[in-house]
Amino acid sequence: MVSKARTLYVCTECGAQASKWAGQCGDCGAWNTLQETPAVPPAGKNAAGFAGYAGQAAEVRTLAEVDAAAEIRQSCGNGELDRVLGGGLVDGSVTLIGGDPGIGKSTLLLQVLAELAARNRTLYVSGEESPRQIGLRAQRLGLARDRLRLLPEINVERILATAEIERPQAMVIDSIQTVFTERLQSAPGSVAQVRESAAQLVRYAKAGGAALFLVGHVTKEGAIAGPRVLEHMVDTVLYFEGDPSGRLRVLRAVKNRYGPVNELGVFAMTERGLKEVSNPSAIFLSRHDTPVAGSVIMVTREGTRPLLVEIQALVDECHGGHPRRVTLGLEQNRLAMLLAVLHRHGGVAMYDQDVYVNAVGGVRINETAADLAVLLAALSSFRDRPLPTDLVVFGEVGLAGEIRPVPNGEERLREAAKHGFKQAIVPRANLPRRGGRVDGLEARGVSRLAEVMGAI
């Protein structure tokens, strides 16, 4: 008979151990902090080594002896995914992909694995869908199914045993919240199960050199479910964004050990699966037939790519006690700050108006280069005066009313000129060196909010 592995419950606050779970830690008194963890067997009585630590010493090398050659990458067959990963897939890397239900995580990975299966050994491990469901999806997407290997299993020990036989170069676990290990007694999806199962899978990927994709569920707040240490264990963390009912999908890298962070990939959901969008600026622009009040075009930057995004604002009279400040794709607290700057340094008061601001296309803008566009869109809607359709703006607005420069200003102007824009209002420090002109676009530099008001 094989004895079952013993488990302990460790307090995440003080590190105290207990043989069974309890709602409160007996040492520090913290509530709901005991988490299940496998017990490490003690070293034998005859184990040699200092302070009871047995085993051979590991090899120590200097950093100069480490091979610093560039890692070998292979294309996933999808240009947008390669961009987000930093140029392609690295052997032995572990990538965690999270997103809302129905956003397209399984569809994208099934497409990628079908592309990789044409030249490498692959393995798709499904813990949520039956083989028939996956087969129907692959048939609907028109994917080649003759070389795509499929394993319906949720036991991590059996998954790793099968992987030792199959020796895949790329493997997908869909999803990590459904996988469990026999070393723990808790149910699949618990904090301990997710942490321990992911640790075993990561060790296998690093030791065997297989590229591993983990699909993660997200909570109602939008974060990946499970312990936060899960994102620290993997090499790359990707988030799927967008409205599941719409066509546009945005894949954003928030962590990447093999490439730039905050890189962005844009996809369109079609009947044949996710298709890459090579020119996303054309999607984010509405291109109104006639000038519309409350609309302005800005140039944002996501990773290494400049994007043209339309910022829309609606300013309406407040009929309640408190005026509303609503943003979609932008930070709400920053909108309130910008309206205060407009009142103090521009002489325009909107304390009795409801202000709604939206970034068209579902894209989320995290940088401060959108400040000037937000102010001009709100001012245009407030006075019901459209801005020129060939105008593009960007710049950070400070509390003293100054217009601060943003990174890569000339590259943003070239992207705007490529799409036919003829004039721009930008921070003075972002003016190009060639007299304010870039490929037929005339840029005007400003340093104060009063100059912006005079320019429009």
Protein backbone atom coordinates (compact mmCIF):
# COMPACT_ATOMS: atom_id res chain seq x y z
CA MET A 1 0.00 0.00 0.00
CA VAL A 2 1.17 3.50 -0.88
CA SER A 3 0.84 6.03 1.90
CA LYS A 4 -0.90 9.26 0.97
CA ALA A 5 1.14 12.44 1.08
CA ARG A 6 0.58 14.38 4.29
CA THR A 7 -0.62 17.97 4.03
CA LEU A 8 -0.23 20.96 6.30
CA TYR A 9 -2.03 24.27 6.62
CA VAL A 10 0.27 27.28 6.70
CA CYS A 11 -0.74 30.78 7.78
CA THR A 12 0.03 33.35 5.06
CA GLU A 13 0.47 36.08 7.68
CA CYS A 14 2.87 34.59 10.23
CA GLY A 15 3.92 31.24 8.68
CA ALA A 16 2.53 29.10 11.52
CA GLN A 17 1.67 25.50 10.64
CA ALA A 18 -1.40 23.49 11.64
CA SER A 19 -2.43 19.90 10.99
CA LYS A 20 -6.01 20.85 10.08
CA TRP A 21 -7.80 23.86 8.73
CA ALA A 22 -9.32 26.46 11.02
CA GLY A 23 -10.94 29.79 10.39
CA GLN A 24 -8.49 31.65 12.64
CA CYS A 25 -4.75 31.22 13.03
CA GLY A 26 -3.90 30.11 16.54
CA ASP A 27 -0.62 32.07 16.62
CA CYS A 28 -1.33 35.50 15.12
CA GLY A 29 -5.14 35.50 15.29
CA ALA A 30 -5.64 36.36 11.59
CA TRP A 31 -8.81 35.09 9.95
CA ASN A 32 -9.02 32.93 6.79
CA THR A 33 -5.24 32.82 6.28
CA LEU A 34 -4.59 29.06 6.60
CA GLN A 35 -3.82 27.55 3.17
CA GLU A 36 -3.24 23.94 2.32
CA THR A 37 0.26 22.95 1.27
CA PRO A 38 2.02 19.60 0.86
CA ALA A 39 4.25 18.61 3.76
CA VAL A 40 7.95 18.28 2.95
CA PRO A 41 9.35 14.98 4.32
CA PRO A 42 12.16 15.49 6.86
CA ALA A 43 15.70 14.56 5.99
CA GLY A 44 16.97 11.17 7.09
CA LYS A 45 18.91 10.67 10.31
CA ASN A 46 22.09 9.84 8.43
CA ALA A 47 21.82 12.79 6.04
CA ALA A 48 25.04 14.67 5.76
CA GLY A 49 25.43 18.38 5.41
CA PHE A 50 25.37 21.56 7.42
CA ALA A 51 22.37 22.12 9.70
CA GLY A 52 20.59 19.01 8.40
CA TYR A 53 20.69 20.02 4.69
CA ALA A 54 21.65 17.05 2.56
CA GLY A 55 22.62 16.71 -1.08
CA GLN A 56 25.38 17.81 -3.40
CA ALA A 57 26.34 21.43 -3.76
CA ALA A 58 25.12 23.20 -6.89
CA GLU A 59 27.50 24.60 -9.48
CA VAL A 60 28.28 28.31 -9.13
CA ARG A 61 29.42 30.31 -12.16
CA THR A 62 30.26 33.91 -12.83
CA LEU A 63 27.97 35.96 -15.02
CA ALA A 64 30.69 36.23 -17.67
CA GLU A 65 30.60 32.43 -18.08
CA VAL A 66 26.88 32.43 -18.87
CA ASP A 67 26.02 32.27 -22.55
CA ALA A 68 24.31 35.58 -23.29
CA ALA A 69 23.38 34.72 -26.87
CA ALA A 70 19.93 35.68 -28.06
CA GLU A 71 17.25 33.12 -27.39
CA ILE A 72 15.83 31.12 -30.28
CA ARG A 73 12.30 32.17 -31.21
CA GLN A 74 9.78 30.58 -33.50
CA SER A 75 6.77 32.23 -35.06
CA CYS A 76 3.30 31.30 -33.81
CA GLY A 77 1.85 31.85 -37.28
CA ASN A 78 0.07 34.98 -36.03
CA GLY A 79 1.83 38.33 -36.43
CA GLU A 80 -0.11 40.09 -33.66
CA LEU A 81 0.57 37.36 -31.12
CA ASP A 82 4.24 37.33 -32.11
CA ARG A 83 4.33 41.10 -31.51
CA VAL A 84 2.84 40.76 -28.03
CA LEU A 85 5.22 37.93 -27.12
CA GLY A 86 8.19 40.08 -28.12
CA GLY A 87 8.98 38.57 -31.51
CA GLY A 88 7.86 34.97 -31.25
CA LEU A 89 7.63 31.94 -28.99
CA VAL A 90 10.62 31.02 -26.82
CA ASP A 91 11.34 27.39 -25.93
CA GLY A 92 10.74 26.71 -22.24
CA SER A 93 8.62 29.84 -21.76
CA VAL A 94 5.38 29.82 -19.76
CA THR A 95 2.61 32.19 -20.90
CA LEU A 96 -0.54 32.91 -18.91
CA ILE A 97 -3.56 34.21 -20.86
CA GLY A 98 -6.57 35.63 -19.01
CA GLY A 99 -9.81 37.24 -20.11
CA ASP A 100 -13.57 37.30 -19.76
CA PRO A 101 -15.61 34.20 -20.69
CA GLY A 102 -16.23 34.01 -24.42
CA ILE A 103 -13.55 36.58 -25.30
CA GLY A 104 -11.62 34.13 -27.50
CA LYS A 105 -8.82 32.62 -25.37
CA SER A 106 -9.46 29.00 -26.36
CA THR A 107 -10.12 29.96 -29.98
CA LEU A 108 -6.80 31.79 -30.31
CA LEU A 109 -4.76 29.03 -28.69
CA LEU A 110 -6.44 26.35 -30.78
CA GLN A 111 -5.54 28.31 -33.91
CA VAL A 112 -1.95 28.77 -32.72
CA LEU A 113 -1.51 25.11 -31.80
CA ALA A 114 -2.95 23.97 -35.13
CA GLU A 115 -0.39 26.20 -36.89
CA LEU A 116 2.49 24.93 -34.75
CA ALA A 117 1.40 21.28 -35.19
CA ALA A 118 2.37 21.48 -38.87
CA ARG A 119 6.07 21.62 -37.91
CA ASN A 120 6.30 20.63 -34.21
CA ARG A 121 4.79 18.17 -31.77
CA THR A 122 1.99 19.79 -29.81
CA LEU A 123 -0.46 18.81 -27.08
CA TYR A 124 -3.77 20.49 -26.22
CA VAL A 125 -4.91 19.60 -22.68
CA SER A 126 -8.57 20.41 -22.09
CA GLY A 127 -10.17 20.35 -18.67
CA GLU A 128 -13.38 22.19 -19.58
CA GLU A 129 -14.47 20.95 -23.00
CA SER A 130 -14.94 17.46 -24.40
CA PRO A 131 -12.94 16.27 -27.42
CA ARG A 132 -16.09 16.46 -29.52
CA GLN A 133 -16.62 20.12 -28.66
CA ILE A 134 -13.02 20.98 -29.55
CA GLY A 135 -13.28 18.97 -32.76
CA LEU A 136 -16.44 20.84 -33.80
CA ARG A 137 -14.76 24.17 -33.11
CA ALA A 138 -11.69 23.20 -35.15
CA GLN A 139 -13.95 22.10 -38.01
CA ARG A 140 -15.87 25.38 -37.86
CA LEU A 141 -12.63 27.36 -37.96
CA GLY A 142 -11.28 25.31 -40.85
CA LEU A 143 -8.19 24.11 -38.98
CA ALA A 144 -6.08 21.11 -39.89
CA ARG A 145 -6.88 18.35 -37.37
CA ASP A 146 -4.71 15.46 -38.52
CA ARG A 147 -1.64 16.36 -36.41
CA LEU A 148 -3.23 18.19 -33.46
CA ARG A 149 -2.92 16.01 -30.36
CA LEU A 150 -5.68 16.30 -27.74
CA LEU A 151 -5.77 15.17 -24.10
CA PRO A 152 -8.95 15.57 -21.97
CA GLU A 153 -7.50 15.42 -18.44
CA ILE A 154 -7.46 17.51 -15.25
CA ASN A 155 -5.05 15.50 -13.08
CA VAL A 156 -1.66 17.19 -13.27
CA GLU A 157 0.28 14.00 -12.52
CA ARG A 158 -1.39 12.22 -15.45
CA ILE A 159 -0.87 15.27 -17.68
CA LEU A 160 2.85 15.30 -16.93
CA ALA A 161 3.14 11.52 -17.39
CA THR A 162 1.51 11.82 -20.81
CA ALA A 163 3.71 14.79 -21.69
CA GLU A 164 6.82 12.71 -20.87
CA ILE A 165 5.67 10.19 -23.48
CA GLU A 166 4.46 12.67 -26.12
CA ARG A 167 7.36 15.14 -25.68
CA PRO A 168 5.47 18.15 -27.10
CA GLN A 169 7.35 21.31 -28.03
CA ALA A 170 4.23 23.41 -27.36
CA MET A 171 1.47 22.58 -24.88
CA VAL A 172 -1.77 24.31 -23.83
CA ILE A 173 -3.51 23.85 -20.46
CA ASP A 174 -7.14 24.98 -20.70
CA SER A 175 -7.57 25.99 -17.96
CA ILE A 176 -5.27 26.11 -14.92
CA GLN A 177 -8.27 26.52 -12.58
CA THR A 178 -9.61 23.07 -13.54
CA VAL A 179 -6.35 21.19 -12.95
CA PHE A 180 -5.67 19.51 -9.60
CA THR A 181 -2.86 17.54 -7.99
CA GLU A 182 -3.22 14.43 -5.86
CA ARG A 183 -0.79 15.86 -3.32
CA LEU A 184 -3.54 18.13 -1.96
CA GLN A 185 -7.02 17.35 -0.72
CA SER A 186 -8.72 20.63 -1.65
CA ALA A 187 -11.00 20.98 -4.66
CA PRO A 188 -9.76 22.11 -8.09
CA GLY A 189 -9.69 25.88 -8.43
CA SER A 190 -8.69 26.56 -4.83
CA VAL A 191 -5.70 28.73 -4.07
CA ALA A 192 -3.49 25.82 -3.02
CA GLN A 193 -4.43 23.65 -6.01
CA VAL A 194 -3.81 26.41 -8.55
CA ARG A 195 -0.45 27.30 -6.99
CA GLU A 196 0.84 23.71 -6.68
CA SER A 197 -0.46 22.58 -10.10
CA ALA A 198 1.07 25.58 -11.82
CA ALA A 199 4.38 25.01 -10.02
CA GLN A 200 4.61 21.44 -11.33
CA LEU A 201 3.76 22.51 -14.88
CA VAL A 202 6.30 25.35 -14.81
CA ARG A 203 9.03 22.98 -13.58
CA TYR A 204 8.24 20.60 -16.44
CA ALA A 205 8.41 23.40 -19.04
CA LYS A 206 11.73 24.72 -17.74
CA ALA A 207 13.30 21.28 -17.52
CA GLY A 208 12.05 19.94 -20.84
CA GLY A 209 12.11 23.12 -22.93
CA ALA A 210 8.45 22.95 -23.95
CA ALA A 211 6.61 26.22 -24.59
CA LEU A 212 3.61 26.21 -22.25
CA PHE A 213 0.37 28.21 -22.47
CA LEU A 214 -1.90 28.43 -19.41
CA VAL A 215 -5.46 29.70 -19.74
CA GLY A 216 -6.65 31.53 -16.62
CA HIS A 217 -10.11 32.53 -15.48
CA VAL A 218 -10.67 36.10 -14.32
CA THR A 219 -12.62 37.47 -11.37
CA LYS A 220 -15.39 40.07 -11.61
CA GLU A 221 -12.75 42.76 -11.03
CA GLY A 222 -10.89 41.59 -14.16
CA ALA A 223 -7.84 40.04 -12.44
CA ILE A 224 -6.77 36.43 -13.01
CA ALA A 225 -8.38 34.18 -10.42
CA GLY A 226 -6.20 32.37 -7.93
CA PRO A 227 -3.13 33.42 -5.96
CA ARG A 228 -1.18 36.46 -7.10
CA VAL A 229 1.95 34.34 -7.05
CA LEU A 230 0.64 32.65 -10.20
CA GLU A 231 1.56 35.73 -12.26
CA HIS A 232 5.02 35.78 -10.66
CA MET A 233 5.69 32.14 -11.56
CA VAL A 234 5.13 32.53 -15.30
CA ASP A 235 7.26 34.39 -17.85
CA THR A 236 4.52 36.26 -19.71
CA VAL A 237 1.07 37.46 -18.65
CA LEU A 238 -1.41 38.41 -21.38
CA TYR A 239 -4.89 39.86 -20.93
CA PHE A 240 -7.68 39.66 -23.50
CA GLU A 241 -9.80 42.82 -23.56
CA GLY A 242 -12.85 43.96 -25.48
CA ASP A 243 -16.58 43.47 -25.61
CA PRO A 244 -17.43 39.76 -26.18
CA SER A 245 -20.45 40.84 -28.22
CA GLY A 246 -18.31 42.99 -30.57
CA ARG A 247 -15.77 42.12 -33.26
CA LEU A 248 -12.67 43.78 -31.83
CA ARG A 249 -10.33 42.00 -29.43
CA VAL A 250 -7.23 43.50 -27.83
CA LEU A 251 -4.45 41.34 -26.38
CA ARG A 252 -2.27 43.25 -23.94
CA ALA A 253 1.02 42.13 -22.35
CA VAL A 254 1.34 43.22 -18.72
CA LYS A 255 4.44 41.13 -18.01
CA ASN A 256 7.04 39.75 -20.39
CA ARG A 257 10.49 38.45 -19.50
CA TYR A 258 11.37 38.00 -23.18
CA GLY A 259 10.16 41.27 -24.66
CA PRO A 260 8.65 44.72 -24.07
CA VAL A 261 5.76 45.12 -21.66
CA ASN A 262 2.48 46.91 -22.47
CA GLU A 263 2.69 45.66 -26.05
CA LEU A 264 -0.66 45.47 -27.82
CA GLY A 265 -2.11 43.03 -30.34
CA VAL A 266 -5.39 43.70 -32.14
CA PHE A 267 -7.65 40.95 -33.48
CA ALA A 268 -11.02 40.79 -35.18
CA MET A 269 -13.42 37.96 -34.35
CA THR A 270 -14.79 36.44 -37.54
CA GLU A 271 -16.59 33.25 -38.52
CA ARG A 272 -13.20 31.70 -39.22
CA GLY A 273 -11.77 32.62 -35.81
CA LEU A 274 -9.52 35.47 -34.72
CA LYS A 275 -7.87 37.38 -37.55
CA GLU A 276 -4.99 39.77 -36.96
CA VAL A 277 -5.54 43.47 -37.67
CA SER A 278 -2.42 44.95 -39.25
CA ASN A 279 -3.70 48.56 -39.23
CA PRO A 280 -5.68 49.05 -36.00
CA SER A 281 -5.75 52.84 -36.31
CA ALA A 282 -8.27 52.51 -39.14
CA ILE A 283 -10.64 50.65 -36.77
CA PHE A 284 -10.41 53.11 -33.89
CA LEU A 285 -11.29 56.08 -36.12
CA SER A 286 -14.97 56.81 -36.88
CA ARG A 287 -14.36 59.18 -39.84
CA HIS A 288 -17.58 61.20 -39.55
CA ASP A 289 -19.07 62.50 -42.79
CA THR A 290 -19.55 65.95 -41.26
CA PRO A 291 -17.70 67.61 -38.37
CA VAL A 292 -19.14 66.53 -35.00
CA ALA A 293 -18.86 68.46 -31.75
CA GLY A 294 -17.15 66.61 -28.90
CA SER A 295 -14.85 64.48 -31.06
CA VAL A 296 -11.07 64.76 -31.40
CA ILE A 297 -8.32 62.43 -32.64
CA MET A 298 -5.25 61.69 -30.52
CA VAL A 299 -2.16 59.52 -31.02
CA THR A 300 -1.49 57.09 -28.19
CA ARG A 301 1.36 54.62 -27.94
CA GLU A 302 1.00 50.99 -26.91
CA GLY A 303 4.34 49.27 -26.55
CA THR A 304 6.24 49.92 -29.78
CA ARG A 305 3.19 50.88 -31.84
CA PRO A 306 1.54 54.33 -32.21
CA LEU A 307 -2.25 54.20 -32.52
CA LEU A 308 -4.75 56.83 -33.62
CA VAL A 309 -7.77 56.81 -31.30
CA GLU A 310 -10.88 58.96 -31.34
CA ILE A 311 -11.80 60.56 -28.02
CA GLN A 312 -15.48 61.49 -27.69
CA ALA A 313 -17.01 63.67 -24.99
CA LEU A 314 -20.59 64.60 -24.16
CA VAL A 315 -21.25 67.53 -21.84
CA ASP A 316 -24.86 67.96 -20.74
CA GLU A 317 -26.65 69.97 -18.10
CA CYS A 318 -26.87 68.22 -14.75
CA HIS A 319 -30.42 67.69 -13.51
CA GLY A 320 -29.43 66.04 -10.21
CA GLY A 321 -27.62 67.12 -7.12
CA HIS A 322 -24.17 65.87 -8.14
CA PRO A 323 -22.74 66.14 -11.68
CA ARG A 324 -21.52 62.87 -13.12
CA ARG A 325 -18.00 62.16 -14.36
CA VAL A 326 -18.07 58.96 -16.45
CA THR A 327 -15.17 57.58 -18.48
CA LEU A 328 -14.80 54.49 -20.68
CA GLY A 329 -11.23 53.51 -21.51
CA LEU A 330 -9.76 56.38 -19.47
CA GLU A 331 -9.13 57.13 -15.80
CA GLN A 332 -12.12 58.74 -14.09
CA ASN A 333 -10.15 60.59 -11.41
CA ARG A 334 -7.96 62.19 -14.06
CA LEU A 335 -11.04 63.56 -15.83
CA ALA A 336 -12.12 65.37 -12.66
CA MET A 337 -8.61 66.83 -12.31
CA LEU A 338 -8.52 68.02 -15.94
CA LEU A 339 -11.90 69.76 -15.59
CA ALA A 340 -10.57 71.59 -12.54
CA VAL A 341 -7.51 72.71 -14.53
CA LEU A 342 -9.79 73.91 -17.35
CA HIS A 343 -11.79 75.98 -14.85
CA ARG A 344 -8.78 77.46 -13.08
CA HIS A 345 -6.51 78.19 -16.07
CA GLY A 346 -9.00 78.29 -18.96
CA GLY A 347 -11.91 80.11 -17.39
CA VAL A 348 -14.45 77.43 -18.40
CA ALA A 349 -16.58 76.07 -15.55
CA MET A 350 -18.35 72.71 -15.85
CA TYR A 351 -19.20 72.14 -12.19
CA ASP A 352 -22.93 72.03 -13.07
CA GLN A 353 -22.52 69.75 -16.11
CA ASP A 354 -22.48 65.98 -16.58
CA VAL A 355 -19.34 64.97 -18.49
CA TYR A 356 -19.05 61.63 -20.32
CA VAL A 357 -15.80 60.65 -22.08
CA ASN A 358 -15.24 57.57 -24.24
CA ALA A 359 -12.28 56.08 -26.13
CA VAL A 360 -13.80 54.69 -29.33
CA GLY A 361 -13.25 51.04 -30.15
CA GLY A 362 -12.99 49.71 -26.61
CA VAL A 363 -9.27 50.48 -26.29
CA ARG A 364 -7.97 51.42 -22.83
CA ILE A 365 -5.55 54.37 -22.64
CA ASN A 366 -3.24 54.40 -19.64
CA GLU A 367 -0.83 57.18 -20.58
CA THR A 368 -1.16 60.90 -19.84
CA ALA A 369 -0.83 61.88 -23.52
CA ALA A 370 -4.65 61.79 -23.69
CA ASP A 371 -5.03 64.81 -21.36
CA LEU A 372 -5.11 67.44 -24.09
CA ALA A 373 -7.51 65.40 -26.23
CA VAL A 374 -9.91 64.93 -23.32
CA LEU A 375 -9.96 68.67 -22.55
CA LEU A 376 -10.53 69.69 -26.18
CA ALA A 377 -13.27 67.09 -26.67
CA ALA A 378 -15.09 68.27 -23.53
CA LEU A 379 -14.72 71.92 -24.52
CA SER A 380 -15.97 71.21 -28.06
CA SER A 381 -19.07 69.46 -26.72
CA PHE A 382 -19.69 72.14 -24.09
CA ARG A 383 -19.68 74.95 -26.66
CA ASP A 384 -21.19 72.79 -29.45
CA ARG A 385 -18.40 73.77 -31.84
CA PRO A 386 -16.77 70.99 -33.89
CA LEU A 387 -13.02 70.78 -34.23
CA PRO A 388 -11.38 70.39 -37.66
CA THR A 389 -11.57 66.86 -38.99
CA ASP A 390 -7.90 66.91 -40.04
CA LEU A 391 -6.66 67.90 -36.56
CA VAL A 392 -4.77 65.58 -34.23
CA VAL A 393 -3.65 66.41 -30.68
CA PHE A 394 -1.69 64.87 -27.81
CA GLY A 395 0.03 66.10 -24.68
CA GLU A 396 0.01 65.95 -20.89
CA VAL A 397 -1.69 68.74 -18.92
CA GLY A 398 -0.22 69.74 -15.56
CA LEU A 399 -2.00 71.26 -12.57
CA ALA A 400 -0.37 74.63 -13.27
CA GLY A 401 -1.88 74.71 -16.74
CA GLU A 402 1.36 73.75 -18.53
CA ILE A 403 1.46 71.37 -21.49
CA ARG A 404 4.11 68.74 -20.88
CA PRO A 405 5.84 66.68 -23.60
CA VAL A 406 5.23 62.97 -24.08
CA PRO A 407 7.63 60.27 -25.35
CA ASN A 408 8.14 59.61 -29.09
CA GLY A 409 6.40 62.77 -30.27
CA GLU A 410 7.80 62.75 -33.81
CA GLU A 411 6.85 59.10 -34.32
CA ARG A 412 3.28 59.94 -33.31
CA LEU A 413 3.19 62.79 -35.83
CA ARG A 414 4.41 60.50 -38.62
CA GLU A 415 1.62 58.04 -37.81
CA ALA A 416 -0.95 60.86 -38.02
CA ALA A 417 0.48 62.13 -41.31
CA LYS A 418 0.30 58.61 -42.75
CA HIS A 419 -3.47 58.64 -42.18
CA GLY A 420 -4.02 61.99 -43.89
CA PHE A 421 -4.07 64.47 -41.00
CA LYS A 422 -2.86 67.96 -41.93
CA GLN A 423 -2.53 69.85 -38.62
CA ALA A 424 -1.60 69.02 -35.04
CA ILE A 425 -1.47 70.71 -31.65
CA VAL A 426 1.32 69.20 -29.57
CA PRO A 427 3.60 70.20 -26.67
CA ARG A 428 6.30 72.61 -27.78
CA ALA A 429 9.04 70.18 -26.76
CA ASN A 430 7.57 67.54 -29.12
CA LEU A 431 7.87 69.71 -32.24
CA PRO A 432 9.98 68.05 -34.95
CA ARG A 433 13.31 69.59 -35.79
CA ARG A 434 12.37 70.38 -39.39
CA GLY A 435 10.31 73.49 -38.72
CA GLY A 436 7.22 71.77 -37.37
CA ARG A 437 6.38 69.82 -40.56
CA VAL A 438 6.27 66.04 -40.90
CA ASP A 439 5.25 64.54 -44.25
CA GLY A 440 2.78 67.32 -45.06
CA LEU A 441 1.46 67.72 -41.50
CA GLU A 442 1.81 71.16 -39.88
CA ALA A 443 2.40 70.91 -36.11
CA ARG A 444 1.84 73.80 -33.72
CA GLY A 445 3.65 73.72 -30.40
CA VAL A 446 2.03 74.98 -27.19
CA SER A 447 3.32 75.27 -23.65
CA ARG A 448 0.30 76.66 -21.75
CA LEU A 449 -3.41 75.89 -21.72
CA ALA A 450 -4.15 79.49 -22.72
CA GLU A 451 -2.23 78.95 -25.96
CA VAL A 452 -4.37 75.92 -26.73
CA MET A 453 -7.55 77.93 -26.17
CA GLY A 454 -6.26 80.56 -28.57
CA ALA A 455 -5.19 78.02 -31.18
CA ILE A 456 -8.70 76.56 -31.55
